[in-house]
Every structure is written in C-alpha cells, then in structure tokens.
C-alpha cells in the first residue's frame, strides 16, 4: 500500500514510517523543511513538501496514496486552540479527497481527552465518545464520521506517556520539572494513573489500523492501562537523586506549569477492544522498566 503520513519525522511518526516500510508498504511523508525531507529520504520514504495549514498540499498527498496516517499536530501550547482548529481543518480537507474511495484513514487523538467526558476514576474504553467541545474532540469525531462517507476511518487515542529511546511524552516533562524545581513531585497520594505505551508498540498499532481497522473504530494506543504517578515520581527521584514529595492539587499548576491539571488526573484507559479489533498485543518494555534503564536522565 502507498501510504501518506503526516508527522512522518516526529518521535512517533519516524517509528511508524519504519514499521510501514519494514512491512512492505511504500511511504509518502509530509515534510515542511529541508531537514525533514532529508530524514525521510534517508529512511527510504518519498517526500511530499507541505504543511498542515496548506490544505492544497495535504490533498495532493492524499490523492497520491492508497491510505493515510495522520499524526501531525502543532504542539504550541501557547496557541493550543489554534493547533486544534488547524488539525480539524486538515482532517476535513483530507477526508474530502478520500470520500467514497473505501481507502483507510487513521487519525490521532489522546486518551487524556477522555477526562473531559468521564467521571474521575472511571476507566475509559474505546466506545466512550468525545464531544466536539473537548480539545481534539471535533477532529476525532470528524475522522470517525468519514466512515459514513465511504472511508475506512479509525482514530488512535495515544497515551500521554509514549516512551522509547530518550523521550517519554508527558513523563519527559515531569523529569524536566523535577530538575528545575529540585524535587520529584506527585499530587496528593499519587494514586492517580496514566496509561503508557512504547513507541514501537504504537507504531505497530498504527500499521495494523491502516491494514485492518473496522470503519468508524476508535482504538487505544495503550500498552499499560494505568501507571501510578507515585511510581513515576519515585523513579524520577531515584535517578536524579532528588527528594520525592507530595503537593496539593492547588499547588500543581504552579509547580508543573501547563501539565499541572494532567498531573492530578486519573486517566486509566482500557485496551481490550483495540486488541480484539486489530489483533494487536503490546510486547515492548513497560514505562517503569524503561525508565529504570536510565537513558531518560542522561541529558
């Protein structure tokens, strides 16, 4: 299959490109810079120049492909609303080209969005539906709705801690905050949980979704359904030789910055339906075991 991939040179996207190529697919990667173009060529992928806000370039990339994996997202948290809007317009533009073709479209969202629609402490499932007013909810719903327009669409909700090599998603931010503040903190008792997934397990899930996800399906990019924030804080404290301390929810925003709210959320997220829908099983290291290897603390 010839696959158009946005976000193809990112932390997750580069692993997805490798996974697709290894499985015998061809990849057309979206590149907005010479550096990204060079990385794609080195990986063995074709290059399509453009960006998320250049809708004509996105549609050209889609027309040249047999399927789409949409990973790109503008992580400028100073204008998060703008990034969310750009993502929605990109999904709509690509979906318009795919309409009636039966081709696969795999979009991306996040498990943290479930915290806006579920009671605190209730585990999220793939059948839980976001509302449009939730961050990234409109784009997720637009992608799922493509199934009614002749597209084999699916969306993968990624865990906040996608880990592997030297990056660990939101956990990397917690490590940076611990270095800055001189303590490794958690909120309250630290019993709230975040799901986690190794980037290579995530890459395989994206490939399987492309190849076989049922139209209109939501999938969870979750290898571990919940890791306690206390356990994460303890690993960080031990490797950085810092005290591990509890802070109140009221202190969290000041201490953690924009991840303060997330640090107190229980985002336990189930993956049973995902495993059944595409025959996927996570096989790589869990988050704590991966952190214990120490590479995340070398910089």
C-alpha atoms as a PDB file:
ATOM      1  CA  UNK A   1       0.000   0.000   0.000  1.00  0.00           C
ATOM      2  CA  UNK A   2       1.202   3.528  -0.752  1.00  0.00           C
ATOM      3  CA  UNK A   3       0.690   5.469   2.478  1.00  0.00           C
ATOM      4  CA  UNK A   4       0.655   9.234   3.001  1.00  0.00           C
ATOM      5  CA  UNK A   5       1.938  10.000   6.510  1.00  0.00           C
ATOM      6  CA  UNK A   6       1.762  13.388   8.209  1.00  0.00           C
ATOM      7  CA  UNK A   7       4.097  13.919  11.148  1.00  0.00           C
ATOM      8  CA  UNK A   8       6.351  11.368   9.487  1.00  0.00           C
ATOM      9  CA  UNK A   9       9.613  12.613  11.013  1.00  0.00           C
ATOM     10  CA  UNK A  10       8.343  13.051  14.573  1.00  0.00           C
ATOM     11  CA  UNK A  11       9.077  10.871  17.586  1.00  0.00           C
ATOM     12  CA  UNK A  12       6.174   8.523  16.838  1.00  0.00           C
ATOM     13  CA  UNK A  13       5.934   9.188  13.104  1.00  0.00           C
ATOM     14  CA  UNK A  14       9.501   8.111  12.386  1.00  0.00           C
ATOM     15  CA  UNK A  15       8.791   4.775  14.092  1.00  0.00           C
ATOM     16  CA  UNK A  16       5.567   4.432  12.080  1.00  0.00           C
ATOM     17  CA  UNK A  17       7.447   5.069   8.821  1.00  0.00           C
ATOM     18  CA  UNK A  18       9.987   2.367   9.696  1.00  0.00           C
ATOM     19  CA  UNK A  19       7.196  -0.042  10.648  1.00  0.00           C
ATOM     20  CA  UNK A  20       5.374   0.553   7.350  1.00  0.00           C
ATOM     21  CA  UNK A  21       8.475   0.192   5.204  1.00  0.00           C
ATOM     22  CA  UNK A  22       9.548  -2.983   7.014  1.00  0.00           C
ATOM     23  CA  UNK A  23       6.097  -4.450   6.367  1.00  0.00           C
ATOM     24  CA  UNK A  24       6.451  -3.798   2.627  1.00  0.00           C
ATOM     25  CA  UNK A  25       4.399  -0.624   2.296  1.00  0.00           C
ATOM     26  CA  UNK A  26       5.560   2.488   0.447  1.00  0.00           C
ATOM     27  CA  UNK A  27       5.552   5.785   2.352  1.00  0.00           C
ATOM     28  CA  UNK A  28       4.989   9.348   1.221  1.00  0.00           C
ATOM     29  CA  UNK A  29       5.955  11.587   4.127  1.00  0.00           C
ATOM     30  CA  UNK A  30       4.808  15.160   4.578  1.00  0.00           C
ATOM     31  CA  UNK A  31       7.820  17.465   5.026  1.00  0.00           C
ATOM     32  CA  UNK A  32       7.752  21.185   5.722  1.00  0.00           C
ATOM     33  CA  UNK A  33      11.529  21.656   5.931  1.00  0.00           C
ATOM     34  CA  UNK A  34      14.694  20.548   4.174  1.00  0.00           C
ATOM     35  CA  UNK A  35      15.743  18.740   7.356  1.00  0.00           C
ATOM     36  CA  UNK A  36      12.542  16.710   7.433  1.00  0.00           C
ATOM     37  CA  UNK A  37      12.827  15.944   3.725  1.00  0.00           C
ATOM     38  CA  UNK A  38      16.385  14.681   4.177  1.00  0.00           C
ATOM     39  CA  UNK A  39      15.316  12.471   7.112  1.00  0.00           C
ATOM     40  CA  UNK A  40      12.527  10.922   5.056  1.00  0.00           C
ATOM     41  CA  UNK A  41      14.830  10.196   2.136  1.00  0.00           C
ATOM     42  CA  UNK A  42      17.379   8.623   4.482  1.00  0.00           C
ATOM     43  CA  UNK A  43      14.639   6.398   5.909  1.00  0.00           C
ATOM     44  CA  UNK A  44      13.649   5.200   2.440  1.00  0.00           C
ATOM     45  CA  UNK A  45      10.421   7.195   2.096  1.00  0.00           C
ATOM     46  CA  UNK A  46       9.249   9.555  -0.632  1.00  0.00           C
ATOM     47  CA  UNK A  47       8.881  13.238   0.187  1.00  0.00           C
ATOM     48  CA  UNK A  48       5.833  15.441  -0.226  1.00  0.00           C
ATOM     49  CA  UNK A  49       6.501  19.064   0.654  1.00  0.00           C
ATOM     50  CA  UNK A  50       3.799  20.931   2.537  1.00  0.00           C
ATOM     51  CA  UNK A  51       2.354  21.611   5.965  1.00  0.00           C
ATOM     52  CA  UNK A  52      -0.815  21.114   7.997  1.00  0.00           C
ATOM     53  CA  UNK A  53      -2.104  24.582   7.221  1.00  0.00           C
ATOM     54  CA  UNK A  54      -1.506  24.153   3.469  1.00  0.00           C
ATOM     55  CA  UNK A  55      -4.693  22.255   2.680  1.00  0.00           C
ATOM     56  CA  UNK A  56      -3.969  22.019  -1.044  1.00  0.00           C
ATOM     57  CA  UNK A  57      -0.669  20.244  -0.342  1.00  0.00           C
ATOM     58  CA  UNK A  58      -2.403  17.835   2.032  1.00  0.00           C
ATOM     59  CA  UNK A  59      -4.994  16.956  -0.560  1.00  0.00           C
ATOM     60  CA  UNK A  60      -2.321  16.390  -3.199  1.00  0.00           C
ATOM     61  CA  UNK A  61      -0.576  13.965  -0.864  1.00  0.00           C
ATOM     62  CA  UNK A  62      -3.809  12.082  -0.215  1.00  0.00           C
ATOM     63  CA  UNK A  63      -4.584  11.778  -3.935  1.00  0.00           C
ATOM     64  CA  UNK A  64      -1.231  10.070  -4.498  1.00  0.00           C
ATOM     65  CA  UNK A  65      -1.837   7.451  -1.802  1.00  0.00           C
ATOM     66  CA  UNK A  66      -3.832   4.305  -1.091  1.00  0.00           C
ATOM     67  CA  UNK A  67      -4.244   5.244   2.569  1.00  0.00           C
ATOM     68  CA  UNK A  68      -3.453   7.961   5.124  1.00  0.00           C
ATOM     69  CA  UNK A  69      -1.967   8.028   8.618  1.00  0.00           C
ATOM     70  CA  UNK A  70      -2.400  11.467  10.156  1.00  0.00           C
ATOM     71  CA  UNK A  71      -0.022  12.021  13.073  1.00  0.00           C
ATOM     72  CA  UNK A  72       0.995  15.674  12.732  1.00  0.00           C
ATOM     73  CA  UNK A  73      -0.202  18.153  15.341  1.00  0.00           C
ATOM     74  CA  UNK A  74       1.071  21.609  16.280  1.00  0.00           C
ATOM     75  CA  UNK A  75       2.292  21.285  19.875  1.00  0.00           C
ATOM     76  CA  UNK A  76       2.474  25.021  20.504  1.00  0.00           C
ATOM     77  CA  UNK A  77       0.733  25.169  23.871  1.00  0.00           C
ATOM     78  CA  UNK A  78       0.727  28.979  23.752  1.00  0.00           C
ATOM     79  CA  UNK A  79      -1.879  28.647  20.970  1.00  0.00           C
ATOM     80  CA  UNK A  80      -3.396  25.250  21.632  1.00  0.00           C
ATOM     81  CA  UNK A  81      -6.811  26.329  20.355  1.00  0.00           C
ATOM     82  CA  UNK A  82      -5.208  27.316  17.061  1.00  0.00           C
ATOM     83  CA  UNK A  83      -3.479  23.945  16.787  1.00  0.00           C
ATOM     84  CA  UNK A  84      -6.774  22.152  17.463  1.00  0.00           C
ATOM     85  CA  UNK A  85      -8.514  24.181  14.754  1.00  0.00           C
ATOM     86  CA  UNK A  86      -5.725  23.531  12.241  1.00  0.00           C
ATOM     87  CA  UNK A  87      -5.964  19.804  12.955  1.00  0.00           C
ATOM     88  CA  UNK A  88      -9.722  19.798  12.366  1.00  0.00           C
ATOM     89  CA  UNK A  89      -9.377  21.622   9.029  1.00  0.00           C
ATOM     90  CA  UNK A  90      -6.657  19.172   7.957  1.00  0.00           C
ATOM     91  CA  UNK A  91      -8.873  16.158   8.748  1.00  0.00           C
ATOM     92  CA  UNK A  92     -11.768  17.703   6.850  1.00  0.00           C
ATOM     93  CA  UNK A  93      -9.615  18.506   3.817  1.00  0.00           C
ATOM     94  CA  UNK A  94      -8.065  15.045   3.607  1.00  0.00           C
ATOM     95  CA  UNK A  95     -11.426  13.393   4.227  1.00  0.00           C
ATOM     96  CA  UNK A  96     -12.989  15.270   1.323  1.00  0.00           C
ATOM     97  CA  UNK A  97     -10.490  13.642  -1.058  1.00  0.00           C
ATOM     98  CA  UNK A  98     -10.998  10.166   0.422  1.00  0.00           C
ATOM     99  CA  UNK A  99     -14.805  10.283   0.361  1.00  0.00           C
ATOM    100  CA  UNK A 100     -16.317   7.281  -1.434  1.00  0.00           C
ATOM    101  CA  UNK A 101     -12.973   5.553  -2.055  1.00  0.00           C
ATOM    102  CA  UNK A 102     -13.069   2.954   0.709  1.00  0.00           C
ATOM    103  CA  UNK A 103      -9.450   3.805   1.479  1.00  0.00           C
ATOM    104  CA  UNK A 104      -8.182   3.799   5.090  1.00  0.00           C
ATOM    105  CA  UNK A 105      -7.668   6.962   7.116  1.00  0.00           C
ATOM    106  CA  UNK A 106      -6.052   6.660  10.557  1.00  0.00           C
ATOM    107  CA  UNK A 107      -6.290   9.791  12.716  1.00  0.00           C
ATOM    108  CA  UNK A 108      -4.736  10.550  16.075  1.00  0.00           C
ATOM    109  CA  UNK A 109      -6.156  11.785  19.372  1.00  0.00           C
ATOM    110  CA  UNK A 110      -5.260  11.337  23.039  1.00  0.00           C
ATOM    111  CA  UNK A 111      -6.573   9.351  25.977  1.00  0.00           C
ATOM    112  CA  UNK A 112      -6.354  12.444  28.188  1.00  0.00           C
ATOM    113  CA  UNK A 113      -9.346  13.851  26.311  1.00  0.00           C
ATOM    114  CA  UNK A 114     -11.487  11.196  27.990  1.00  0.00           C
ATOM    115  CA  UNK A 115     -11.024  13.011  31.306  1.00  0.00           C
ATOM    116  CA  UNK A 116     -13.309  15.759  29.970  1.00  0.00           C
ATOM    117  CA  UNK A 117     -16.260  13.388  29.446  1.00  0.00           C
ATOM    118  CA  UNK A 118     -15.852  10.672  32.114  1.00  0.00           C
ATOM    119  CA  UNK A 119     -16.157  10.876  35.908  1.00  0.00           C
ATOM    120  CA  UNK A 120     -12.793  10.998  37.664  1.00  0.00           C
ATOM    121  CA  UNK A 121     -11.609   7.459  38.316  1.00  0.00           C
ATOM    122  CA  UNK A 122     -13.738   5.770  35.645  1.00  0.00           C
ATOM    123  CA  UNK A 123     -11.619   3.807  33.181  1.00  0.00           C
ATOM    124  CA  UNK A 124     -12.047   4.885  29.581  1.00  0.00           C
ATOM    125  CA  UNK A 125     -12.981   2.459  26.830  1.00  0.00           C
ATOM    126  CA  UNK A 126     -12.835   2.656  23.062  1.00  0.00           C
ATOM    127  CA  UNK A 127     -16.624   3.031  22.957  1.00  0.00           C
ATOM    128  CA  UNK A 128     -16.558   6.239  25.013  1.00  0.00           C
ATOM    129  CA  UNK A 129     -17.300   9.134  22.654  1.00  0.00           C
ATOM    130  CA  UNK A 130     -15.860  12.634  22.924  1.00  0.00           C
ATOM    131  CA  UNK A 131     -17.949  15.744  22.403  1.00  0.00           C
ATOM    132  CA  UNK A 132     -16.849  18.339  19.871  1.00  0.00           C
ATOM    133  CA  UNK A 133     -16.174  20.952  22.562  1.00  0.00           C
ATOM    134  CA  UNK A 134     -13.427  18.777  24.124  1.00  0.00           C
ATOM    135  CA  UNK A 135      -9.897  19.565  22.875  1.00  0.00           C
ATOM    136  CA  UNK A 136      -9.329  17.479  19.708  1.00  0.00           C
ATOM    137  CA  UNK A 137     -12.854  16.095  20.067  1.00  0.00           C
ATOM    138  CA  UNK A 138     -14.163  17.702  16.869  1.00  0.00           C
ATOM    139  CA  UNK A 139     -11.271  16.339  14.797  1.00  0.00           C
ATOM    140  CA  UNK A 140     -11.669  12.854  16.285  1.00  0.00           C
ATOM    141  CA  UNK A 141     -15.402  12.879  15.563  1.00  0.00           C
ATOM    142  CA  UNK A 142     -14.840  14.230  12.048  1.00  0.00           C
ATOM    143  CA  UNK A 143     -12.460  11.359  11.328  1.00  0.00           C
ATOM    144  CA  UNK A 144     -14.881   8.759  12.696  1.00  0.00           C
ATOM    145  CA  UNK A 145     -17.735  10.287  10.683  1.00  0.00           C
ATOM    146  CA  UNK A 146     -15.813   9.643   7.459  1.00  0.00           C
ATOM    147  CA  UNK A 147     -16.938   6.023   7.821  1.00  0.00           C
ATOM    148  CA  UNK A 148     -20.412   7.163   6.798  1.00  0.00           C
ATOM    149  CA  UNK A 149     -18.937   8.726   3.659  1.00  0.00           C
ATOM    150  CA  UNK A 150     -17.191   5.695   2.249  1.00  0.00           C
ATOM    151  CA  UNK A 151     -13.862   5.906   4.095  1.00  0.00           C
ATOM    152  CA  UNK A 152     -12.444   3.124   6.298  1.00  0.00           C
ATOM    153  CA  UNK A 153     -11.613   5.588   9.024  1.00  0.00           C
ATOM    154  CA  UNK A 154     -10.277   4.987  12.513  1.00  0.00           C
ATOM    155  CA  UNK A 155      -8.699   7.044  15.290  1.00  0.00           C
ATOM    156  CA  UNK A 156      -5.950   6.018  17.684  1.00  0.00           C
ATOM    157  CA  UNK A 157      -6.053   7.710  21.084  1.00  0.00           C
ATOM    158  CA  UNK A 158      -2.473   7.776  22.310  1.00  0.00           C
ATOM    159  CA  UNK A 159      -1.434   7.534  25.954  1.00  0.00           C
ATOM    160  CA  UNK A 160       0.158  10.697  27.424  1.00  0.00           C
ATOM    161  CA  UNK A 161       3.390   8.794  28.022  1.00  0.00           C
ATOM    162  CA  UNK A 162       4.580   7.363  24.717  1.00  0.00           C
ATOM    163  CA  UNK A 163       8.088   6.239  25.599  1.00  0.00           C
ATOM    164  CA  UNK A 164      11.174   4.829  23.918  1.00  0.00           C
ATOM    165  CA  UNK A 165      14.795   5.793  23.278  1.00  0.00           C
ATOM    166  CA  UNK A 166      15.226   9.045  25.244  1.00  0.00           C
ATOM    167  CA  UNK A 167      11.716  10.520  25.124  1.00  0.00           C
ATOM    168  CA  UNK A 168       8.698   9.609  27.225  1.00  0.00           C
ATOM    169  CA  UNK A 169       5.892  12.006  26.326  1.00  0.00           C
ATOM    170  CA  UNK A 170       4.481  13.824  29.344  1.00  0.00           C
ATOM    171  CA  UNK A 171       6.872  11.932  31.615  1.00  0.00           C
ATOM    172  CA  UNK A 172       9.790  13.716  29.946  1.00  0.00           C
ATOM    173  CA  UNK A 173       8.126  16.972  31.024  1.00  0.00           C
ATOM    174  CA  UNK A 174       7.886  15.700  34.607  1.00  0.00           C
ATOM    175  CA  UNK A 175      11.609  14.898  34.509  1.00  0.00           C
ATOM    176  CA  UNK A 176      12.395  18.414  33.270  1.00  0.00           C
ATOM    177  CA  UNK A 177      10.256  19.973  36.018  1.00  0.00           C
ATOM    178  CA  UNK A 178      11.958  17.833  38.687  1.00  0.00           C
ATOM    179  CA  UNK A 179      15.360  19.053  37.522  1.00  0.00           C
ATOM    180  CA  UNK A 180      14.196  22.654  37.590  1.00  0.00           C
ATOM    181  CA  UNK A 181      12.422  22.510  40.971  1.00  0.00           C
ATOM    182  CA  UNK A 182      14.855  20.207  42.774  1.00  0.00           C
ATOM    183  CA  UNK A 183      12.138  17.749  43.824  1.00  0.00           C
ATOM    184  CA  UNK A 184      10.214  14.963  42.139  1.00  0.00           C
ATOM    185  CA  UNK A 185       6.596  15.724  42.919  1.00  0.00           C
ATOM    186  CA  UNK A 186       3.266  13.968  42.694  1.00  0.00           C
ATOM    187  CA  UNK A 187      -0.218  15.221  43.585  1.00  0.00           C
ATOM    188  CA  UNK A 188      -1.949  14.070  46.765  1.00  0.00           C
ATOM    189  CA  UNK A 189      -1.310  10.373  47.374  1.00  0.00           C
ATOM    190  CA  UNK A 190      -0.064   9.841  43.816  1.00  0.00           C
ATOM    191  CA  UNK A 191      -2.596   7.063  43.293  1.00  0.00           C
ATOM    192  CA  UNK A 192      -3.926   8.519  40.047  1.00  0.00           C
ATOM    193  CA  UNK A 193      -2.805   6.655  36.946  1.00  0.00           C
ATOM    194  CA  UNK A 194      -1.660   7.426  33.414  1.00  0.00           C
ATOM    195  CA  UNK A 195      -1.681   4.874  30.611  1.00  0.00           C
ATOM    196  CA  UNK A 196       1.571   4.324  28.731  1.00  0.00           C
ATOM    197  CA  UNK A 197       2.810   2.756  25.514  1.00  0.00           C
ATOM    198  CA  UNK A 198       6.200   2.065  23.967  1.00  0.00           C
ATOM    199  CA  UNK A 199       6.637   3.922  20.670  1.00  0.00           C
ATOM    200  CA  UNK A 200       7.355   0.671  18.797  1.00  0.00           C
ATOM    201  CA  UNK A 201       4.102  -0.863  20.044  1.00  0.00           C
ATOM    202  CA  UNK A 202       2.363   2.341  18.973  1.00  0.00           C
ATOM    203  CA  UNK A 203       3.950   2.149  15.522  1.00  0.00           C
ATOM    204  CA  UNK A 204       2.717  -1.391  15.030  1.00  0.00           C
ATOM    205  CA  UNK A 205      -0.774  -0.381  16.134  1.00  0.00           C
ATOM    206  CA  UNK A 206      -0.866   2.371  13.501  1.00  0.00           C
ATOM    207  CA  UNK A 207       0.135  -0.131  10.813  1.00  0.00           C
ATOM    208  CA  UNK A 208      -2.495  -2.646  11.910  1.00  0.00           C
ATOM    209  CA  UNK A 209      -5.156   0.085  11.992  1.00  0.00           C
ATOM    210  CA  UNK A 210      -4.217   1.076   8.450  1.00  0.00           C
ATOM    211  CA  UNK A 211      -4.424  -2.504   7.272  1.00  0.00           C
ATOM    212  CA  UNK A 212      -7.477  -3.806   9.089  1.00  0.00           C
ATOM    213  CA  UNK A 213      -9.279  -1.443  11.495  1.00  0.00           C
ATOM    214  CA  UNK A 214     -13.072  -1.570  11.008  1.00  0.00           C
ATOM    215  CA  UNK A 215     -14.590   1.603   9.598  1.00  0.00           C
ATOM    216  CA  UNK A 216     -15.521   4.094  12.306  1.00  0.00           C
ATOM    217  CA  UNK A 217     -13.476   2.445  15.060  1.00  0.00           C
ATOM    218  CA  UNK A 218     -11.752   4.108  17.965  1.00  0.00           C
ATOM    219  CA  UNK A 219      -8.574   2.402  19.160  1.00  0.00           C
ATOM    220  CA  UNK A 220      -6.473   2.937  22.261  1.00  0.00           C
ATOM    221  CA  UNK A 221      -2.719   3.358  21.906  1.00  0.00           C
ATOM    222  CA  UNK A 222      -2.259   1.967  25.398  1.00  0.00           C
ATOM    223  CA  UNK A 223       0.173  -0.778  26.337  1.00  0.00           C
ATOM    224  CA  UNK A 224      -0.240  -0.354  30.096  1.00  0.00           C
ATOM    225  CA  UNK A 225      -3.694   0.733  31.162  1.00  0.00           C
ATOM    226  CA  UNK A 226      -2.545   2.696  34.204  1.00  0.00           C
ATOM    227  CA  UNK A 227       0.775   3.526  35.876  1.00  0.00           C
ATOM    228  CA  UNK A 228       0.645   5.306  39.256  1.00  0.00           C
ATOM    229  CA  UNK A 229       2.071   8.824  39.285  1.00  0.00           C
ATOM    230  CA  UNK A 230       3.694   7.979  42.627  1.00  0.00           C
ATOM    231  CA  UNK A 231       5.649   5.177  40.953  1.00  0.00           C
ATOM    232  CA  UNK A 232       6.738   7.549  38.180  1.00  0.00           C
ATOM    233  CA  UNK A 233       7.808  10.183  40.730  1.00  0.00           C
ATOM    234  CA  UNK A 234       9.794   7.607  42.688  1.00  0.00           C
ATOM    235  CA  UNK A 235      11.756   6.528  39.607  1.00  0.00           C
ATOM    236  CA  UNK A 236      12.475  10.138  38.682  1.00  0.00           C
ATOM    237  CA  UNK A 237      13.584  10.980  42.205  1.00  0.00           C
ATOM    238  CA  UNK A 238      15.867   7.978  42.446  1.00  0.00           C
ATOM    239  CA  UNK A 239      17.611   8.573  39.095  1.00  0.00           C
ATOM    240  CA  UNK A 240      18.018  12.324  39.654  1.00  0.00           C
ATOM    241  CA  UNK A 241      18.908  11.878  43.341  1.00  0.00           C
ATOM    242  CA  UNK A 242      16.092  14.213  44.366  1.00  0.00           C
ATOM    243  CA  UNK A 243      13.566  14.055  47.217  1.00  0.00           C
ATOM    244  CA  UNK A 244      10.121  12.734  46.279  1.00  0.00           C
ATOM    245  CA  UNK A 245       7.351  14.936  47.666  1.00  0.00           C
ATOM    246  CA  UNK A 246       3.587  15.236  47.641  1.00  0.00           C
ATOM    247  CA  UNK A 247       1.982  18.530  46.640  1.00  0.00           C
ATOM    248  CA  UNK A 248      -1.635  19.625  46.727  1.00  0.00           C
ATOM    249  CA  UNK A 249      -3.850  19.999  43.653  1.00  0.00           C
ATOM    250  CA  UNK A 250      -3.826  23.756  44.315  1.00  0.00           C
ATOM    251  CA  UNK A 251      -0.021  23.775  44.052  1.00  0.00           C
ATOM    252  CA  UNK A 252       0.122  21.583  40.943  1.00  0.00           C
ATOM    253  CA  UNK A 253      -0.424  24.265  38.291  1.00  0.00           C
ATOM    254  CA  UNK A 254       2.327  26.455  39.688  1.00  0.00           C
ATOM    255  CA  UNK A 255       4.705  23.542  40.166  1.00  0.00           C
ATOM    256  CA  UNK A 256       4.133  21.662  36.891  1.00  0.00           C
ATOM    257  CA  UNK A 257       3.059  24.505  34.606  1.00  0.00           C
ATOM    258  CA  UNK A 258       0.705  23.534  31.778  1.00  0.00           C
ATOM    259  CA  UNK A 259       0.814  19.842  32.759  1.00  0.00           C
ATOM    260  CA  UNK A 260      -0.423  20.640  36.266  1.00  0.00           C
ATOM    261  CA  UNK A 261      -4.002  19.589  35.561  1.00  0.00           C
ATOM    262  CA  UNK A 262      -2.889  16.381  33.862  1.00  0.00           C
ATOM    263  CA  UNK A 263      -0.642  15.501  36.811  1.00  0.00           C
ATOM    264  CA  UNK A 264      -3.683  15.138  39.045  1.00  0.00           C
ATOM    265  CA  UNK A 265      -5.950  13.303  36.583  1.00  0.00           C
ATOM    266  CA  UNK A 266      -6.672   9.592  36.758  1.00  0.00           C
ATOM    267  CA  UNK A 267      -6.587   8.610  33.093  1.00  0.00           C
ATOM    268  CA  UNK A 268      -6.787   4.819  33.412  1.00  0.00           C
ATOM    269  CA  UNK A 269      -7.625   3.658  29.891  1.00  0.00           C
ATOM    270  CA  UNK A 270      -8.558   0.152  28.723  1.00  0.00           C
ATOM    271  CA  UNK A 271      -7.316  -1.525  25.540  1.00  0.00           C
ATOM    272  CA  UNK A 272      -9.319  -4.774  25.314  1.00  0.00           C
ATOM    273  CA  UNK A 273     -11.393  -3.731  22.306  1.00  0.00           C
ATOM    274  CA  UNK A 274      -8.316  -2.445  20.477  1.00  0.00           C
ATOM    275  CA  UNK A 275      -6.562  -5.786  20.854  1.00  0.00           C
ATOM    276  CA  UNK A 276      -9.619  -7.609  19.531  1.00  0.00           C
ATOM    277  CA  UNK A 277     -10.354  -5.216  16.667  1.00  0.00           C
ATOM    278  CA  UNK A 278      -6.930  -5.331  15.022  1.00  0.00           C
ATOM    279  CA  UNK A 279      -5.189  -8.334  16.626  1.00  0.00           C
ATOM    280  CA  UNK A 280      -2.649  -6.173  18.444  1.00  0.00           C
ATOM    281  CA  UNK A 281      -0.657  -7.053  21.550  1.00  0.00           C
ATOM    282  CA  UNK A 282       1.964  -4.762  23.171  1.00  0.00           C
ATOM    283  CA  UNK A 283       5.283  -6.582  23.592  1.00  0.00           C
ATOM    284  CA  UNK A 284       7.874  -3.931  24.455  1.00  0.00           C
ATOM    285  CA  UNK A 285       9.072  -2.660  27.848  1.00  0.00           C
ATOM    286  CA  UNK A 286       6.589  -1.026  30.180  1.00  0.00           C
ATOM    287  CA  UNK A 287       7.103   2.566  31.278  1.00  0.00           C
ATOM    288  CA  UNK A 288       8.698   1.962  34.705  1.00  0.00           C
ATOM    289  CA  UNK A 289      11.028  -0.750  33.399  1.00  0.00           C
ATOM    290  CA  UNK A 290      12.030   1.528  30.523  1.00  0.00           C
ATOM    291  CA  UNK A 291      12.659   4.482  32.842  1.00  0.00           C
ATOM    292  CA  UNK A 292      14.774   2.274  35.108  1.00  0.00           C
ATOM    293  CA  UNK A 293      17.259   1.777  32.257  1.00  0.00           C
ATOM    294  CA  UNK A 294      18.339   5.359  32.884  1.00  0.00           C
ATOM    295  CA  UNK A 295      18.654   6.825  29.393  1.00  0.00           C
ATOM    296  CA  UNK A 296      15.940   9.389  30.050  1.00  0.00           C
ATOM    297  CA  UNK A 297      18.054  11.042  32.736  1.00  0.00           C
ATOM    298  CA  UNK A 298      21.326  11.490  30.846  1.00  0.00           C
ATOM    299  CA  UNK A 299      20.690  14.971  29.430  1.00  0.00           C
END
